[in-house]
Amino acid sequence: MTTIRCTRCGSSCDDSTASFAESGLICDPCARGETARDAAQMMQSAQAAERAAGFTPAGAPQYSTAPASVGPRHHTSAHEALRARGATVQQSNLSTTVSVGPVSSTRDGLKEIWTLPSAPSVQATFASEGFFTMVKKLFSREIQTGDEAFDRAVFIQTTTPEATQAWLASPEVRSALATIVNSGESFSIEGSTVTGSVYWDVGAVGSPEVIAQLAASLR
């Protein structure tokens, strides 16, 4: 067995489970995250094209999103900590099905919109380059954390660079943001409103705490 180092996250893995990517050999978890992110971005691009053209080309992948179930359904320790501070939340359980010919797969996810008692010092949006391109926003990668995998994957738009830089010093914060962005979604803080969405790999069960943990870490 030969051990290689993943060029995306830096972890060691068996070369028999590694996959090729633009950056080189990557481990299986990073490969699955990349596949999920590409599928999500393809879905967003296809839906935008459909809306603009008013039709779906024959043979193209078909996407459908089930009606979101809204309401407080998750009660983790991070949720309780935020509620104790006076924060309120709107939750939506997400589900998207991708069909290519006779084959279909479903990804589940979660969206949370938190209203905090006051605006935190960090004001920023974290997403992939594709997200900022599609919504036609200017983005900045001037903030560098020293975490190469994070800096490659996560693009940042912020009006509070110093506070954002300090917040990103936490490995837990970077890990949670990377989980969201690698799933094809985004996390933003605008005033006292914190909005985050995350999808999990097909067949996987993700933590419903990842968005709340980020919101709870803001001061």
N, C-alpha and C. Protein backbone atom coordinates (compact mmCIF):
# COMPACT_ATOMS: atom_id res chain seq x y z
N MET A 1 0.85 -1.20 0.00
CA MET A 1 0.00 0.00 0.00
C MET A 1 0.88 1.24 0.00
N THR A 2 0.62 2.17 -0.89
CA THR A 2 1.36 3.42 -0.97
C THR A 2 0.50 4.56 -0.43
N THR A 3 1.11 5.38 0.41
CA THR A 3 0.40 6.50 1.01
C THR A 3 0.78 7.78 0.29
N ILE A 4 -0.21 8.57 -0.07
CA ILE A 4 0.04 9.87 -0.70
C ILE A 4 -0.60 10.96 0.17
N ARG A 5 -0.23 12.20 -0.09
CA ARG A 5 -0.82 13.33 0.63
C ARG A 5 -1.78 14.05 -0.30
N CYS A 6 -3.02 14.24 0.19
CA CYS A 6 -4.04 14.92 -0.61
C CYS A 6 -3.61 16.37 -0.88
N THR A 7 -3.65 16.77 -2.14
CA THR A 7 -3.24 18.13 -2.50
C THR A 7 -4.29 19.17 -2.16
N ARG A 8 -5.48 18.71 -1.75
CA ARG A 8 -6.54 19.66 -1.41
C ARG A 8 -6.60 19.93 0.10
N CYS A 9 -6.66 18.85 0.91
CA CYS A 9 -6.79 19.04 2.36
C CYS A 9 -5.52 18.73 3.13
N GLY A 10 -4.55 18.09 2.46
CA GLY A 10 -3.27 17.80 3.12
C GLY A 10 -3.23 16.52 3.91
N SER A 11 -4.33 15.78 3.99
CA SER A 11 -4.34 14.55 4.77
C SER A 11 -3.69 13.41 3.99
N SER A 12 -3.26 12.37 4.71
CA SER A 12 -2.66 11.21 4.08
C SER A 12 -3.74 10.19 3.74
N CYS A 13 -3.57 9.50 2.60
CA CYS A 13 -4.55 8.50 2.21
C CYS A 13 -3.90 7.44 1.34
N ASP A 14 -4.54 6.30 1.22
CA ASP A 14 -4.09 5.20 0.38
C ASP A 14 -4.23 5.62 -1.09
N ASP A 15 -3.17 5.42 -1.88
CA ASP A 15 -3.25 5.86 -3.27
C ASP A 15 -4.29 5.11 -4.08
N SER A 16 -4.72 3.94 -3.60
CA SER A 16 -5.75 3.18 -4.33
C SER A 16 -7.11 3.83 -4.23
N THR A 17 -7.31 4.72 -3.25
CA THR A 17 -8.60 5.41 -3.09
C THR A 17 -8.53 6.86 -3.58
N ALA A 18 -7.35 7.28 -4.06
CA ALA A 18 -7.17 8.67 -4.47
C ALA A 18 -7.75 8.90 -5.86
N SER A 19 -8.06 10.15 -6.16
CA SER A 19 -8.60 10.53 -7.47
C SER A 19 -7.78 11.69 -8.00
N PHE A 20 -7.80 11.88 -9.32
CA PHE A 20 -7.10 12.99 -9.94
C PHE A 20 -8.00 14.22 -9.96
N ALA A 21 -7.40 15.39 -9.68
CA ALA A 21 -8.10 16.66 -9.76
C ALA A 21 -7.14 17.68 -10.36
N GLU A 22 -7.60 18.91 -10.56
CA GLU A 22 -6.74 19.93 -11.14
C GLU A 22 -5.50 20.17 -10.30
N SER A 23 -5.64 20.03 -8.98
CA SER A 23 -4.51 20.28 -8.08
C SER A 23 -3.61 19.08 -7.92
N GLY A 24 -3.99 17.90 -8.47
CA GLY A 24 -3.21 16.68 -8.32
C GLY A 24 -4.06 15.58 -7.70
N LEU A 25 -3.42 14.64 -7.00
CA LEU A 25 -4.15 13.55 -6.35
C LEU A 25 -4.86 14.06 -5.10
N ILE A 26 -6.14 13.70 -4.96
CA ILE A 26 -6.90 14.10 -3.78
C ILE A 26 -7.54 12.88 -3.15
N CYS A 27 -7.84 12.96 -1.85
CA CYS A 27 -8.41 11.84 -1.11
C CYS A 27 -9.89 11.64 -1.48
N ASP A 28 -10.44 10.51 -1.06
CA ASP A 28 -11.83 10.19 -1.41
C ASP A 28 -12.83 11.21 -0.87
N PRO A 29 -12.74 11.66 0.43
CA PRO A 29 -13.70 12.66 0.92
C PRO A 29 -13.67 13.95 0.10
N CYS A 30 -12.45 14.40 -0.28
CA CYS A 30 -12.35 15.62 -1.09
C CYS A 30 -12.93 15.40 -2.48
N ALA A 31 -12.71 14.19 -3.04
CA ALA A 31 -13.25 13.89 -4.36
C ALA A 31 -14.77 13.88 -4.34
N ARG A 32 -15.37 13.31 -3.27
CA ARG A 32 -16.82 13.28 -3.17
C ARG A 32 -17.37 14.69 -2.99
N GLY A 33 -16.66 15.51 -2.20
CA GLY A 33 -17.09 16.89 -2.01
C GLY A 33 -17.02 17.68 -3.31
N GLU A 34 -15.96 17.42 -4.12
CA GLU A 34 -15.81 18.11 -5.39
C GLU A 34 -16.92 17.72 -6.35
N THR A 35 -17.27 16.41 -6.35
CA THR A 35 -18.35 15.94 -7.22
C THR A 35 -19.67 16.58 -6.84
N ALA A 36 -19.93 16.65 -5.52
CA ALA A 36 -21.18 17.25 -5.05
C ALA A 36 -21.22 18.73 -5.40
N ARG A 37 -20.08 19.42 -5.24
CA ARG A 37 -20.05 20.85 -5.55
C ARG A 37 -20.28 21.09 -7.04
N ASP A 38 -19.64 20.25 -7.89
CA ASP A 38 -19.81 20.40 -9.33
C ASP A 38 -21.26 20.15 -9.74
N ALA A 39 -21.88 19.15 -9.10
CA ALA A 39 -23.28 18.85 -9.42
C ALA A 39 -24.18 20.01 -9.03
N ALA A 40 -23.89 20.62 -7.86
CA ALA A 40 -24.72 21.74 -7.41
C ALA A 40 -24.55 22.94 -8.33
N GLN A 41 -23.31 23.22 -8.75
CA GLN A 41 -23.08 24.35 -9.63
C GLN A 41 -23.68 24.10 -11.01
N MET A 42 -23.61 22.85 -11.48
CA MET A 42 -24.24 22.50 -12.76
C MET A 42 -25.74 22.69 -12.67
N MET A 43 -26.31 22.31 -11.52
CA MET A 43 -27.74 22.47 -11.31
C MET A 43 -28.13 23.94 -11.35
N GLN A 44 -27.35 24.79 -10.65
CA GLN A 44 -27.66 26.21 -10.62
C GLN A 44 -27.55 26.83 -12.02
N SER A 45 -26.50 26.46 -12.77
CA SER A 45 -26.31 26.99 -14.12
C SER A 45 -27.42 26.53 -15.04
N ALA A 46 -27.80 25.24 -14.93
CA ALA A 46 -28.85 24.72 -15.81
C ALA A 46 -30.19 25.38 -15.52
N GLN A 47 -30.48 25.59 -14.23
CA GLN A 47 -31.75 26.22 -13.88
C GLN A 47 -31.79 27.65 -14.39
N ALA A 48 -30.66 28.37 -14.30
CA ALA A 48 -30.60 29.74 -14.79
C ALA A 48 -30.80 29.77 -16.30
N ALA A 49 -30.19 28.81 -17.00
CA ALA A 49 -30.34 28.74 -18.46
C ALA A 49 -31.77 28.43 -18.85
N GLU A 50 -32.40 27.53 -18.09
CA GLU A 50 -33.80 27.17 -18.38
C GLU A 50 -34.71 28.38 -18.23
N ARG A 51 -34.50 29.14 -17.14
CA ARG A 51 -35.34 30.31 -16.90
C ARG A 51 -35.15 31.34 -18.01
N ALA A 52 -33.89 31.50 -18.46
CA ALA A 52 -33.61 32.50 -19.50
C ALA A 52 -34.17 32.07 -20.85
N ALA A 53 -34.07 30.77 -21.17
CA ALA A 53 -34.50 30.29 -22.48
C ALA A 53 -35.96 29.89 -22.52
N GLY A 54 -36.52 29.55 -21.38
CA GLY A 54 -37.92 29.16 -21.33
C GLY A 54 -38.17 27.73 -21.72
N PHE A 55 -37.09 26.91 -21.86
CA PHE A 55 -37.28 25.50 -22.19
C PHE A 55 -36.07 24.72 -21.72
N THR A 56 -36.19 23.39 -21.72
CA THR A 56 -35.11 22.49 -21.35
C THR A 56 -34.72 21.66 -22.57
N PRO A 57 -33.45 21.71 -23.02
CA PRO A 57 -33.04 20.95 -24.19
C PRO A 57 -33.25 19.46 -23.96
N ALA A 58 -33.63 18.73 -25.03
CA ALA A 58 -33.84 17.29 -24.91
C ALA A 58 -32.54 16.61 -24.51
N GLY A 59 -32.62 15.68 -23.58
CA GLY A 59 -31.46 14.92 -23.15
C GLY A 59 -30.65 15.58 -22.06
N ALA A 60 -30.97 16.84 -21.71
CA ALA A 60 -30.22 17.53 -20.68
C ALA A 60 -30.60 17.00 -19.31
N PRO A 61 -29.68 17.11 -18.31
CA PRO A 61 -30.03 16.68 -16.95
C PRO A 61 -31.25 17.42 -16.44
N GLN A 62 -32.13 16.73 -15.73
CA GLN A 62 -33.35 17.32 -15.18
C GLN A 62 -33.17 17.52 -13.67
N TYR A 63 -33.57 18.66 -13.17
CA TYR A 63 -33.42 18.99 -11.76
C TYR A 63 -34.78 19.34 -11.17
N SER A 64 -35.02 18.88 -9.98
CA SER A 64 -36.27 19.25 -9.31
C SER A 64 -35.99 19.44 -7.84
N THR A 65 -36.61 20.43 -7.27
CA THR A 65 -36.44 20.73 -5.85
C THR A 65 -37.77 20.56 -5.14
N ALA A 66 -37.79 19.70 -4.14
CA ALA A 66 -39.02 19.45 -3.40
C ALA A 66 -39.37 20.67 -2.58
N PRO A 67 -40.67 20.92 -2.32
CA PRO A 67 -41.05 22.04 -1.46
C PRO A 67 -40.34 21.95 -0.11
N ALA A 68 -39.77 23.06 0.32
CA ALA A 68 -39.03 23.06 1.57
C ALA A 68 -39.98 23.04 2.76
N SER A 69 -39.63 22.25 3.75
CA SER A 69 -40.41 22.25 4.99
C SER A 69 -39.80 23.28 5.92
N VAL A 70 -40.59 24.22 6.34
CA VAL A 70 -40.08 25.36 7.10
C VAL A 70 -40.53 25.29 8.54
N GLY A 71 -39.65 25.70 9.44
CA GLY A 71 -39.99 25.73 10.86
C GLY A 71 -38.84 25.19 11.69
N PRO A 72 -38.79 25.53 12.97
CA PRO A 72 -37.69 25.07 13.83
C PRO A 72 -37.77 23.56 14.06
N ARG A 73 -36.86 22.81 13.42
CA ARG A 73 -36.87 21.36 13.52
C ARG A 73 -35.61 20.81 14.16
N HIS A 74 -34.56 21.63 14.27
CA HIS A 74 -33.30 21.16 14.83
C HIS A 74 -33.03 21.86 16.15
N HIS A 75 -32.61 21.10 17.13
CA HIS A 75 -32.40 21.65 18.48
C HIS A 75 -31.09 21.11 19.03
N THR A 76 -29.98 21.50 18.41
CA THR A 76 -28.67 21.09 18.87
C THR A 76 -28.18 22.06 19.93
N SER A 77 -27.00 21.77 20.48
CA SER A 77 -26.45 22.66 21.52
C SER A 77 -26.16 24.05 20.96
N ALA A 78 -25.72 24.13 19.71
CA ALA A 78 -25.46 25.44 19.11
C ALA A 78 -26.76 26.21 18.92
N HIS A 79 -27.83 25.52 18.55
CA HIS A 79 -29.13 26.19 18.42
C HIS A 79 -29.60 26.73 19.78
N GLU A 80 -29.44 25.93 20.80
CA GLU A 80 -29.88 26.36 22.12
C GLU A 80 -29.05 27.54 22.61
N ALA A 81 -27.74 27.53 22.33
CA ALA A 81 -26.87 28.64 22.75
C ALA A 81 -27.29 29.94 22.07
N LEU A 82 -27.64 29.86 20.79
CA LEU A 82 -28.07 31.05 20.08
C LEU A 82 -29.42 31.56 20.60
N ARG A 83 -30.33 30.64 20.85
CA ARG A 83 -31.64 31.05 21.37
C ARG A 83 -31.50 31.68 22.76
N ALA A 84 -30.54 31.19 23.54
CA ALA A 84 -30.31 31.77 24.87
C ALA A 84 -29.81 33.21 24.77
N ARG A 85 -29.17 33.54 23.65
CA ARG A 85 -28.69 34.91 23.43
C ARG A 85 -29.79 35.80 22.86
N GLY A 86 -30.96 35.23 22.58
CA GLY A 86 -32.07 36.00 22.04
C GLY A 86 -32.18 35.95 20.53
N ALA A 87 -31.42 35.05 19.89
CA ALA A 87 -31.48 34.91 18.43
C ALA A 87 -32.68 34.07 18.03
N THR A 88 -33.20 34.34 16.83
CA THR A 88 -34.32 33.56 16.29
C THR A 88 -33.90 32.99 14.94
N VAL A 89 -34.59 31.91 14.52
CA VAL A 89 -34.17 31.24 13.29
C VAL A 89 -35.37 30.79 12.47
N GLN A 90 -35.20 30.84 11.16
CA GLN A 90 -36.13 30.22 10.21
C GLN A 90 -35.36 29.08 9.55
N GLN A 91 -35.93 27.88 9.59
CA GLN A 91 -35.25 26.71 9.05
C GLN A 91 -36.03 26.13 7.87
N SER A 92 -35.29 25.67 6.85
CA SER A 92 -35.90 24.98 5.72
C SER A 92 -35.09 23.72 5.44
N ASN A 93 -35.78 22.57 5.37
CA ASN A 93 -35.14 21.35 4.95
C ASN A 93 -35.16 21.29 3.43
N LEU A 94 -34.00 21.12 2.81
CA LEU A 94 -33.87 21.16 1.37
C LEU A 94 -33.73 19.76 0.78
N SER A 95 -34.21 19.58 -0.43
CA SER A 95 -34.07 18.31 -1.14
C SER A 95 -34.07 18.57 -2.63
N THR A 96 -33.02 18.13 -3.30
CA THR A 96 -32.89 18.34 -4.73
C THR A 96 -32.59 17.02 -5.42
N THR A 97 -33.32 16.72 -6.49
CA THR A 97 -33.12 15.49 -7.25
C THR A 97 -32.51 15.82 -8.61
N VAL A 98 -31.45 15.12 -8.96
CA VAL A 98 -30.80 15.27 -10.25
C VAL A 98 -31.05 14.00 -11.05
N SER A 99 -31.62 14.12 -12.25
CA SER A 99 -31.91 12.97 -13.10
C SER A 99 -31.17 13.09 -14.42
N VAL A 100 -30.40 12.06 -14.75
CA VAL A 100 -29.73 11.97 -16.04
C VAL A 100 -30.22 10.70 -16.70
N GLY A 101 -31.12 10.84 -17.66
CA GLY A 101 -31.75 9.66 -18.26
C GLY A 101 -32.57 8.94 -17.20
N PRO A 102 -32.39 7.61 -17.08
CA PRO A 102 -33.18 6.84 -16.11
C PRO A 102 -32.62 6.87 -14.70
N VAL A 103 -31.45 7.48 -14.53
CA VAL A 103 -30.78 7.48 -13.23
C VAL A 103 -31.07 8.77 -12.48
N SER A 104 -31.52 8.64 -11.23
CA SER A 104 -31.81 9.81 -10.39
C SER A 104 -31.07 9.69 -9.06
N SER A 105 -30.67 10.81 -8.51
CA SER A 105 -30.07 10.83 -7.18
C SER A 105 -30.57 12.06 -6.45
N THR A 106 -30.72 11.93 -5.15
CA THR A 106 -31.28 13.01 -4.34
C THR A 106 -30.28 13.47 -3.30
N ARG A 107 -30.15 14.77 -3.19
CA ARG A 107 -29.30 15.37 -2.15
C ARG A 107 -30.20 16.13 -1.19
N ASP A 108 -29.94 15.97 0.09
CA ASP A 108 -30.69 16.67 1.12
C ASP A 108 -29.82 17.76 1.73
N GLY A 109 -30.48 18.76 2.28
CA GLY A 109 -29.72 19.84 2.88
C GLY A 109 -30.55 20.65 3.85
N LEU A 110 -29.98 21.75 4.28
CA LEU A 110 -30.61 22.61 5.30
C LEU A 110 -30.30 24.06 5.01
N LYS A 111 -31.29 24.93 5.17
CA LYS A 111 -31.08 26.37 5.09
C LYS A 111 -31.56 26.98 6.39
N GLU A 112 -30.75 27.88 6.94
CA GLU A 112 -31.13 28.59 8.17
C GLU A 112 -30.90 30.09 7.98
N ILE A 113 -31.86 30.87 8.43
CA ILE A 113 -31.72 32.32 8.46
C ILE A 113 -31.85 32.76 9.91
N TRP A 114 -30.73 33.18 10.49
CA TRP A 114 -30.70 33.61 11.89
C TRP A 114 -30.81 35.13 11.97
N THR A 115 -31.60 35.60 12.92
CA THR A 115 -31.63 37.01 13.26
C THR A 115 -31.00 37.15 14.64
N LEU A 116 -29.81 37.77 14.69
CA LEU A 116 -29.08 37.92 15.95
C LEU A 116 -29.55 39.17 16.69
N PRO A 117 -29.33 39.25 18.01
CA PRO A 117 -29.75 40.42 18.77
C PRO A 117 -29.10 41.72 18.29
N SER A 118 -27.88 41.61 17.74
CA SER A 118 -27.18 42.78 17.21
C SER A 118 -26.25 42.33 16.10
N ALA A 119 -25.81 43.29 15.28
CA ALA A 119 -24.94 42.96 14.16
C ALA A 119 -23.55 42.58 14.66
N PRO A 120 -23.00 41.45 14.25
CA PRO A 120 -21.65 41.07 14.67
C PRO A 120 -20.59 41.92 13.96
N SER A 121 -19.35 41.81 14.42
CA SER A 121 -18.27 42.61 13.84
C SER A 121 -17.92 42.14 12.43
N VAL A 122 -18.20 40.87 12.11
CA VAL A 122 -17.91 40.33 10.79
C VAL A 122 -19.11 40.57 9.86
N GLN A 123 -18.85 41.18 8.72
CA GLN A 123 -19.86 41.37 7.68
C GLN A 123 -19.26 40.85 6.38
N ALA A 124 -19.75 39.70 5.92
CA ALA A 124 -19.09 39.06 4.79
C ALA A 124 -19.97 38.00 4.16
N THR A 125 -19.61 37.60 2.94
CA THR A 125 -20.22 36.47 2.25
C THR A 125 -19.12 35.51 1.84
N PHE A 126 -19.35 34.21 2.08
CA PHE A 126 -18.38 33.17 1.75
C PHE A 126 -19.03 32.20 0.78
N ALA A 127 -18.41 31.98 -0.37
CA ALA A 127 -19.01 31.12 -1.38
C ALA A 127 -17.93 30.71 -2.37
N SER A 128 -18.35 29.96 -3.40
CA SER A 128 -17.42 29.58 -4.47
C SER A 128 -17.34 30.71 -5.49
N GLU A 129 -16.33 30.64 -6.34
CA GLU A 129 -16.18 31.65 -7.39
C GLU A 129 -17.41 31.66 -8.29
N GLY A 130 -17.98 30.47 -8.57
CA GLY A 130 -19.14 30.38 -9.43
C GLY A 130 -20.34 31.12 -8.88
N PHE A 131 -20.50 31.09 -7.55
CA PHE A 131 -21.63 31.79 -6.93
C PHE A 131 -21.53 33.28 -7.19
N PHE A 132 -20.37 33.86 -6.98
CA PHE A 132 -20.22 35.30 -7.17
C PHE A 132 -20.36 35.68 -8.64
N THR A 133 -19.93 34.79 -9.53
CA THR A 133 -20.07 35.06 -10.97
C THR A 133 -21.54 35.09 -11.36
N MET A 134 -22.31 34.11 -10.85
CA MET A 134 -23.72 34.01 -11.25
C MET A 134 -24.56 35.16 -10.72
N VAL A 135 -24.25 35.63 -9.49
CA VAL A 135 -25.04 36.72 -8.95
C VAL A 135 -24.44 38.08 -9.30
N LYS A 136 -23.36 38.04 -10.12
CA LYS A 136 -22.74 39.26 -10.64
C LYS A 136 -22.30 40.21 -9.54
N LYS A 137 -21.66 39.63 -8.52
CA LYS A 137 -21.08 40.45 -7.45
C LYS A 137 -19.56 40.50 -7.62
N LEU A 138 -18.98 41.58 -7.16
CA LEU A 138 -17.53 41.64 -7.09
C LEU A 138 -17.10 40.87 -5.85
N PHE A 139 -16.03 40.11 -5.97
CA PHE A 139 -15.56 39.38 -4.81
C PHE A 139 -14.08 39.67 -4.59
N SER A 140 -13.61 39.34 -3.42
CA SER A 140 -12.22 39.61 -3.07
C SER A 140 -11.60 38.38 -2.44
N ARG A 141 -10.37 38.08 -2.87
CA ARG A 141 -9.61 37.03 -2.21
C ARG A 141 -8.38 37.62 -1.54
N GLU A 142 -8.47 38.86 -1.17
CA GLU A 142 -7.33 39.51 -0.55
C GLU A 142 -7.02 38.92 0.81
N ILE A 143 -8.04 38.41 1.50
CA ILE A 143 -7.82 37.78 2.79
C ILE A 143 -7.26 36.38 2.57
N GLN A 144 -6.09 36.13 3.09
CA GLN A 144 -5.47 34.81 3.01
C GLN A 144 -5.28 34.28 4.43
N THR A 145 -5.69 33.04 4.66
CA THR A 145 -5.63 32.48 6.01
C THR A 145 -4.38 31.66 6.25
N GLY A 146 -3.67 31.30 5.17
CA GLY A 146 -2.55 30.39 5.33
C GLY A 146 -2.97 28.93 5.20
N ASP A 147 -4.27 28.69 5.18
CA ASP A 147 -4.83 27.36 4.95
C ASP A 147 -5.05 27.24 3.45
N GLU A 148 -4.12 26.58 2.74
CA GLU A 148 -4.15 26.59 1.27
C GLU A 148 -5.43 26.01 0.71
N ALA A 149 -5.91 24.89 1.28
CA ALA A 149 -7.13 24.27 0.77
C ALA A 149 -8.31 25.21 0.92
N PHE A 150 -8.40 25.90 2.07
CA PHE A 150 -9.49 26.85 2.29
C PHE A 150 -9.38 28.03 1.34
N ASP A 151 -8.18 28.59 1.20
CA ASP A 151 -8.00 29.77 0.36
C ASP A 151 -8.30 29.48 -1.10
N ARG A 152 -8.06 28.23 -1.55
CA ARG A 152 -8.37 27.88 -2.94
C ARG A 152 -9.88 27.72 -3.14
N ALA A 153 -10.57 27.19 -2.14
CA ALA A 153 -11.99 26.83 -2.31
C ALA A 153 -12.96 27.95 -2.01
N VAL A 154 -12.61 28.81 -1.04
CA VAL A 154 -13.58 29.78 -0.52
C VAL A 154 -13.22 31.20 -0.96
N PHE A 155 -14.15 31.83 -1.64
CA PHE A 155 -14.00 33.23 -2.04
C PHE A 155 -14.76 34.10 -1.04
N ILE A 156 -14.21 35.28 -0.79
CA ILE A 156 -14.73 36.12 0.30
C ILE A 156 -15.06 37.51 -0.22
N GLN A 157 -16.23 37.98 0.15
CA GLN A 157 -16.61 39.37 -0.07
C GLN A 157 -16.88 39.96 1.30
N THR A 158 -16.14 40.99 1.70
CA THR A 158 -16.31 41.52 3.05
C THR A 158 -16.10 43.02 3.09
N THR A 159 -16.81 43.68 4.00
CA THR A 159 -16.61 45.10 4.27
C THR A 159 -15.88 45.28 5.61
N THR A 160 -15.53 44.15 6.25
CA THR A 160 -14.84 44.20 7.55
C THR A 160 -13.64 43.26 7.50
N PRO A 161 -12.61 43.59 6.70
CA PRO A 161 -11.50 42.65 6.50
C PRO A 161 -10.75 42.26 7.77
N GLU A 162 -10.53 43.19 8.68
CA GLU A 162 -9.77 42.86 9.88
C GLU A 162 -10.55 41.90 10.79
N ALA A 163 -11.84 42.19 11.01
CA ALA A 163 -12.65 41.31 11.85
C ALA A 163 -12.82 39.94 11.18
N THR A 164 -12.97 39.95 9.87
CA THR A 164 -13.13 38.69 9.13
C THR A 164 -11.87 37.87 9.21
N GLN A 165 -10.71 38.51 9.05
CA GLN A 165 -9.42 37.81 9.16
C GLN A 165 -9.27 37.17 10.53
N ALA A 166 -9.65 37.89 11.58
CA ALA A 166 -9.53 37.35 12.94
C ALA A 166 -10.47 36.17 13.15
N TRP A 167 -11.68 36.26 12.60
CA TRP A 167 -12.65 35.16 12.74
C TRP A 167 -12.17 33.91 12.03
N LEU A 168 -11.54 34.09 10.88
CA LEU A 168 -11.07 32.96 10.09
C LEU A 168 -9.82 32.31 10.67
N ALA A 169 -9.27 32.88 11.72
CA ALA A 169 -8.11 32.26 12.37
C ALA A 169 -8.48 30.94 13.03
N SER A 170 -9.77 30.74 13.28
CA SER A 170 -10.25 29.50 13.92
C SER A 170 -10.34 28.37 12.91
N PRO A 171 -9.65 27.24 13.13
CA PRO A 171 -9.77 26.09 12.22
C PRO A 171 -11.20 25.57 12.13
N GLU A 172 -11.95 25.64 13.24
CA GLU A 172 -13.33 25.17 13.25
C GLU A 172 -14.20 26.02 12.33
N VAL A 173 -13.98 27.33 12.34
CA VAL A 173 -14.74 28.23 11.46
C VAL A 173 -14.42 27.92 10.00
N ARG A 174 -13.14 27.79 9.68
CA ARG A 174 -12.75 27.51 8.29
C ARG A 174 -13.32 26.17 7.83
N SER A 175 -13.27 25.16 8.70
CA SER A 175 -13.79 23.84 8.34
C SER A 175 -15.28 23.89 8.04
N ALA A 176 -16.04 24.60 8.88
CA ALA A 176 -17.48 24.70 8.67
C ALA A 176 -17.80 25.46 7.39
N LEU A 177 -17.09 26.56 7.13
CA LEU A 177 -17.32 27.33 5.91
C LEU A 177 -16.97 26.51 4.67
N ALA A 178 -15.87 25.74 4.74
CA ALA A 178 -15.47 24.91 3.61
C ALA A 178 -16.52 23.83 3.34
N THR A 179 -17.11 23.27 4.39
CA THR A 179 -18.17 22.27 4.22
C THR A 179 -19.33 22.86 3.44
N ILE A 180 -19.73 24.09 3.79
CA ILE A 180 -20.84 24.75 3.12
C ILE A 180 -20.51 25.05 1.66
N VAL A 181 -19.35 25.67 1.43
CA VAL A 181 -18.97 26.08 0.08
C VAL A 181 -18.72 24.88 -0.82
N ASN A 182 -18.08 23.83 -0.30
CA ASN A 182 -17.82 22.65 -1.11
C ASN A 182 -19.10 21.91 -1.49
N SER A 183 -20.20 22.18 -0.77
CA SER A 183 -21.48 21.56 -1.13
C SER A 183 -22.20 22.37 -2.20
N GLY A 184 -21.59 23.50 -2.61
CA GLY A 184 -22.20 24.33 -3.64
C GLY A 184 -23.05 25.46 -3.10
N GLU A 185 -22.99 25.70 -1.77
CA GLU A 185 -23.85 26.71 -1.16
C GLU A 185 -23.01 27.86 -0.59
N SER A 186 -23.62 28.73 0.20
CA SER A 186 -22.94 29.93 0.69
C SER A 186 -23.34 30.24 2.12
N PHE A 187 -22.56 31.15 2.73
CA PHE A 187 -22.83 31.61 4.09
C PHE A 187 -22.59 33.11 4.10
N SER A 188 -23.55 33.89 4.63
CA SER A 188 -23.40 35.34 4.61
C SER A 188 -23.87 35.97 5.90
N ILE A 189 -23.23 37.11 6.23
CA ILE A 189 -23.62 37.92 7.38
C ILE A 189 -23.87 39.33 6.86
N GLU A 190 -25.12 39.77 6.93
CA GLU A 190 -25.49 41.11 6.50
C GLU A 190 -26.26 41.77 7.63
N GLY A 191 -25.62 42.75 8.27
CA GLY A 191 -26.24 43.35 9.44
C GLY A 191 -26.36 42.31 10.54
N SER A 192 -27.55 42.15 11.10
CA SER A 192 -27.76 41.15 12.15
C SER A 192 -28.36 39.86 11.59
N THR A 193 -28.42 39.74 10.25
CA THR A 193 -29.00 38.55 9.63
C THR A 193 -27.90 37.63 9.11
N VAL A 194 -27.94 36.39 9.53
CA VAL A 194 -26.97 35.37 9.12
C VAL A 194 -27.71 34.30 8.32
N THR A 195 -27.27 34.08 7.10
CA THR A 195 -27.95 33.12 6.22
C THR A 195 -26.97 32.07 5.73
N GLY A 196 -27.34 30.82 5.88
CA GLY A 196 -26.48 29.75 5.41
C GLY A 196 -27.28 28.59 4.87
N SER A 197 -26.75 27.94 3.84
CA SER A 197 -27.36 26.73 3.28
C SER A 197 -26.25 25.71 3.09
N VAL A 198 -26.60 24.44 3.22
CA VAL A 198 -25.62 23.38 3.00
C VAL A 198 -26.33 22.14 2.48
N TYR A 199 -25.70 21.47 1.52
CA TYR A 199 -26.19 20.18 1.02
C TYR A 199 -25.17 19.11 1.40
N TRP A 200 -25.66 17.90 1.60
CA TRP A 200 -24.77 16.79 1.89
C TRP A 200 -24.68 15.86 0.70
N ASP A 201 -23.61 15.05 0.68
CA ASP A 201 -23.43 14.11 -0.42
C ASP A 201 -24.63 13.19 -0.54
N VAL A 202 -24.85 12.66 -1.75
CA VAL A 202 -25.96 11.74 -1.98
C VAL A 202 -25.85 10.57 -1.02
N GLY A 203 -26.93 10.32 -0.28
CA GLY A 203 -26.97 9.20 0.66
C GLY A 203 -26.34 9.49 2.00
N ALA A 204 -25.74 10.68 2.17
CA ALA A 204 -25.08 11.01 3.43
C ALA A 204 -26.02 11.77 4.35
N VAL A 205 -25.73 11.70 5.64
CA VAL A 205 -26.49 12.45 6.64
C VAL A 205 -25.53 13.47 7.26
N GLY A 206 -25.77 14.75 7.00
CA GLY A 206 -24.88 15.78 7.51
C GLY A 206 -25.31 16.30 8.87
N SER A 207 -24.45 17.10 9.47
CA SER A 207 -24.75 17.67 10.77
C SER A 207 -25.65 18.89 10.62
N PRO A 208 -26.79 18.92 11.30
CA PRO A 208 -27.67 20.09 11.23
C PRO A 208 -27.12 21.26 12.04
N GLU A 209 -25.93 21.08 12.62
CA GLU A 209 -25.38 22.09 13.52
C GLU A 209 -24.39 23.03 12.83
N VAL A 210 -23.95 22.71 11.60
CA VAL A 210 -22.84 23.43 11.00
C VAL A 210 -23.14 24.92 10.83
N ILE A 211 -24.34 25.30 10.40
CA ILE A 211 -24.68 26.72 10.22
C ILE A 211 -24.82 27.41 11.56
N ALA A 212 -25.49 26.74 12.51
CA ALA A 212 -25.68 27.33 13.83
C ALA A 212 -24.35 27.53 14.55
N GLN A 213 -23.41 26.60 14.37
CA GLN A 213 -22.10 26.75 15.00
C GLN A 213 -21.40 28.00 14.51
N LEU A 214 -21.48 28.26 13.21
CA LEU A 214 -20.87 29.47 12.66
C LEU A 214 -21.56 30.72 13.22
N ALA A 215 -22.89 30.71 13.22
CA ALA A 215 -23.63 31.86 13.75
C ALA A 215 -23.30 32.11 15.22
N ALA A 216 -23.15 31.02 16.00
CA ALA A 216 -22.87 31.14 17.43
C ALA A 216 -21.48 31.70 17.69
N SER A 217 -20.56 31.50 16.74
CA SER A 217 -19.18 31.96 16.94
C SER A 217 -19.01 33.44 16.61
N LEU A 218 -20.04 34.06 16.04
CA LEU A 218 -19.98 35.48 15.70
C LEU A 218 -20.27 36.35 16.90
N ARG A 219 -19.50 37.39 17.08
CA ARG A 219 -19.72 38.33 18.21
C ARG A 219 -19.67 39.76 17.72
